[in-house]
N, C-alpha and C. Protein backbone atom coordinates (compact mmCIF):
# COMPACT_ATOMS: atom_id res chain seq x y z
N MET A 1 18.21 96.36 -181.08
CA MET A 1 18.68 96.33 -179.72
C MET A 1 19.89 95.39 -179.66
N LYS A 2 20.88 95.78 -178.90
CA LYS A 2 22.09 94.97 -178.79
C LYS A 2 21.85 93.74 -177.92
N ASN A 3 22.63 92.70 -178.19
CA ASN A 3 22.50 91.46 -177.43
C ASN A 3 22.74 91.68 -175.94
N THR A 4 23.72 92.50 -175.61
CA THR A 4 24.00 92.75 -174.19
C THR A 4 22.83 93.42 -173.50
N THR A 5 22.15 94.31 -174.20
CA THR A 5 20.97 94.98 -173.63
C THR A 5 19.85 93.98 -173.41
N LEU A 6 19.62 93.11 -174.39
CA LEU A 6 18.58 92.08 -174.25
C LEU A 6 18.87 91.16 -173.07
N ILE A 7 20.10 90.68 -172.97
CA ILE A 7 20.48 89.77 -171.90
C ILE A 7 20.31 90.44 -170.55
N THR A 8 20.79 91.67 -170.43
CA THR A 8 20.68 92.40 -169.17
C THR A 8 19.22 92.59 -168.78
N SER A 9 18.39 92.95 -169.74
CA SER A 9 16.97 93.17 -169.46
C SER A 9 16.29 91.88 -169.02
N ILE A 10 16.56 90.80 -169.72
CA ILE A 10 15.95 89.52 -169.35
C ILE A 10 16.43 89.08 -167.97
N GLU A 11 17.70 89.27 -167.67
CA GLU A 11 18.22 88.91 -166.36
C GLU A 11 17.54 89.70 -165.25
N GLN A 12 17.28 90.98 -165.49
CA GLN A 12 16.61 91.82 -164.50
C GLN A 12 15.18 91.34 -164.25
N VAL A 13 14.48 90.99 -165.30
CA VAL A 13 13.11 90.48 -165.16
C VAL A 13 13.13 89.14 -164.44
N MET A 14 14.08 88.27 -164.81
CA MET A 14 14.19 86.96 -164.15
C MET A 14 14.47 87.13 -162.66
N GLN A 15 15.34 88.06 -162.30
CA GLN A 15 15.67 88.30 -160.90
C GLN A 15 14.44 88.80 -160.13
N ALA A 16 13.66 89.67 -160.77
CA ALA A 16 12.46 90.19 -160.11
C ALA A 16 11.46 89.07 -159.84
N TYR A 17 11.26 88.20 -160.80
CA TYR A 17 10.33 87.09 -160.61
C TYR A 17 10.87 86.09 -159.59
N THR A 18 12.15 85.80 -159.64
CA THR A 18 12.77 84.87 -158.70
C THR A 18 12.67 85.41 -157.28
N ALA A 19 12.83 86.70 -157.11
CA ALA A 19 12.74 87.31 -155.79
C ALA A 19 11.33 87.15 -155.19
N GLN A 20 10.34 87.02 -156.05
CA GLN A 20 8.96 86.84 -155.59
C GLN A 20 8.59 85.36 -155.44
N GLY A 21 9.57 84.47 -155.67
CA GLY A 21 9.34 83.05 -155.46
C GLY A 21 8.98 82.25 -156.69
N PHE A 22 9.01 82.88 -157.85
CA PHE A 22 8.70 82.17 -159.08
C PHE A 22 9.94 81.47 -159.62
N LYS A 23 9.74 80.33 -160.29
CA LYS A 23 10.84 79.63 -160.96
C LYS A 23 10.56 79.71 -162.45
N ILE A 24 11.43 80.37 -163.18
CA ILE A 24 11.25 80.55 -164.61
C ILE A 24 11.82 79.34 -165.33
N LYS A 25 10.95 78.70 -166.11
CA LYS A 25 11.35 77.51 -166.86
C LYS A 25 11.44 77.78 -168.35
N ALA A 26 10.63 78.71 -168.84
CA ALA A 26 10.59 78.96 -170.28
C ALA A 26 10.26 80.42 -170.55
N ILE A 27 10.79 80.92 -171.65
CA ILE A 27 10.51 82.26 -172.14
C ILE A 27 10.12 82.13 -173.60
N LEU A 28 9.05 82.81 -174.00
CA LEU A 28 8.64 82.83 -175.39
C LEU A 28 9.15 84.12 -176.01
N GLY A 29 9.74 84.03 -177.18
CA GLY A 29 10.26 85.22 -177.84
C GLY A 29 10.18 85.12 -179.35
N ASP A 30 10.44 86.22 -180.01
CA ASP A 30 10.44 86.21 -181.47
C ASP A 30 11.88 86.15 -181.97
N GLY A 31 12.07 86.34 -183.25
CA GLY A 31 13.37 86.23 -183.89
C GLY A 31 14.42 87.17 -183.32
N GLN A 32 14.01 88.22 -182.68
CA GLN A 32 14.94 89.18 -182.09
C GLN A 32 15.80 88.52 -181.01
N PHE A 33 15.27 87.48 -180.38
CA PHE A 33 15.97 86.81 -179.30
C PHE A 33 16.81 85.63 -179.76
N GLN A 34 16.80 85.33 -181.05
CA GLN A 34 17.52 84.18 -181.60
C GLN A 34 19.01 84.21 -181.23
N HIS A 35 19.62 85.37 -181.25
CA HIS A 35 21.06 85.49 -181.03
C HIS A 35 21.48 85.26 -179.58
N ILE A 36 20.54 85.34 -178.66
CA ILE A 36 20.89 85.16 -177.25
C ILE A 36 20.33 83.85 -176.68
N GLN A 37 19.78 83.02 -177.54
CA GLN A 37 19.14 81.78 -177.09
C GLN A 37 20.09 80.90 -176.28
N GLN A 38 21.30 80.72 -176.76
CA GLN A 38 22.26 79.87 -176.06
C GLN A 38 22.61 80.44 -174.69
N THR A 39 22.79 81.74 -174.60
CA THR A 39 23.13 82.39 -173.33
C THR A 39 22.02 82.18 -172.30
N ILE A 40 20.77 82.32 -172.72
CA ILE A 40 19.63 82.15 -171.81
C ILE A 40 19.50 80.69 -171.40
N GLN A 41 19.72 79.78 -172.34
CA GLN A 41 19.60 78.36 -172.02
C GLN A 41 20.70 77.90 -171.06
N GLN A 42 21.84 78.56 -171.07
CA GLN A 42 22.90 78.25 -170.13
C GLN A 42 22.49 78.60 -168.70
N LYS A 43 21.51 79.46 -168.56
CA LYS A 43 20.99 79.85 -167.24
C LYS A 43 19.89 78.89 -166.78
N GLY A 44 19.63 77.84 -167.57
CA GLY A 44 18.64 76.85 -167.20
C GLY A 44 17.22 77.19 -167.60
N VAL A 45 17.06 78.14 -168.52
CA VAL A 45 15.74 78.56 -168.97
C VAL A 45 15.62 78.23 -170.46
N ASN A 46 14.51 77.59 -170.82
CA ASN A 46 14.27 77.27 -172.23
C ASN A 46 13.73 78.50 -172.94
N LEU A 47 14.43 78.96 -173.96
CA LEU A 47 13.99 80.11 -174.75
C LEU A 47 13.38 79.59 -176.04
N ASN A 48 12.06 79.69 -176.15
CA ASN A 48 11.33 79.20 -177.31
C ASN A 48 11.18 80.35 -178.32
N ILE A 49 11.83 80.20 -179.47
CA ILE A 49 11.75 81.22 -180.52
C ILE A 49 10.60 80.87 -181.45
N CYS A 50 9.68 81.78 -181.63
CA CYS A 50 8.52 81.57 -182.49
C CYS A 50 8.82 82.11 -183.88
N SER A 51 8.25 81.48 -184.88
CA SER A 51 8.48 81.92 -186.25
C SER A 51 7.78 83.26 -186.50
N ALA A 52 8.12 83.88 -187.62
CA ALA A 52 7.62 85.22 -187.92
C ALA A 52 6.10 85.27 -188.02
N ASN A 53 5.47 84.25 -188.54
CA ASN A 53 4.01 84.27 -188.73
C ASN A 53 3.26 83.49 -187.66
N GLU A 54 3.96 83.04 -186.64
CA GLU A 54 3.33 82.26 -185.58
C GLU A 54 2.80 83.21 -184.50
N HIS A 55 1.59 82.95 -184.06
CA HIS A 55 0.99 83.76 -183.01
C HIS A 55 0.84 82.90 -181.76
N ILE A 56 1.34 83.39 -180.66
CA ILE A 56 1.27 82.68 -179.38
C ILE A 56 0.12 83.30 -178.58
N PRO A 57 -0.91 82.52 -178.29
CA PRO A 57 -2.09 83.09 -177.61
C PRO A 57 -1.76 83.82 -176.30
N GLU A 58 -0.83 83.27 -175.50
CA GLU A 58 -0.50 83.91 -174.23
C GLU A 58 0.08 85.30 -174.43
N ILE A 59 0.94 85.44 -175.43
CA ILE A 59 1.56 86.75 -175.71
C ILE A 59 0.53 87.71 -176.29
N GLU A 60 -0.28 87.22 -177.23
CA GLU A 60 -1.30 88.07 -177.85
C GLU A 60 -2.27 88.60 -176.79
N ARG A 61 -2.66 87.75 -175.85
CA ARG A 61 -3.59 88.15 -174.79
C ARG A 61 -2.94 89.22 -173.90
N TYR A 62 -1.64 89.05 -173.59
CA TYR A 62 -0.94 90.01 -172.76
C TYR A 62 -0.83 91.37 -173.47
N ILE A 63 -0.54 91.34 -174.76
CA ILE A 63 -0.44 92.59 -175.53
C ILE A 63 -1.79 93.30 -175.52
N ARG A 64 -2.85 92.54 -175.71
CA ARG A 64 -4.19 93.10 -175.71
C ARG A 64 -4.51 93.73 -174.35
N THR A 65 -4.10 93.07 -173.28
CA THR A 65 -4.33 93.59 -171.93
C THR A 65 -3.60 94.91 -171.72
N LEU A 66 -2.36 95.01 -172.20
CA LEU A 66 -1.58 96.23 -172.04
C LEU A 66 -2.16 97.39 -172.83
N LYS A 67 -2.73 97.13 -174.02
CA LYS A 67 -3.22 98.18 -174.87
C LYS A 67 -4.54 98.76 -174.37
N GLU A 68 -5.29 98.00 -173.59
CA GLU A 68 -6.61 98.47 -173.15
C GLU A 68 -6.54 99.47 -172.06
């Protein structure tokens, strides 16, 4: 996926959450997001890149919820 597509998609999600009154402080992502980390951080959001073998319980739980 191209960087511009990733940035646009993240911005759309951030706008949707902001419109509902949420304040986004951090985003968890994998290595695919490494190239856009600086761009996202310029928007005041911490982009935490997880290593290839690291499992984040919040993400794993969300994936499990979607698959069921």
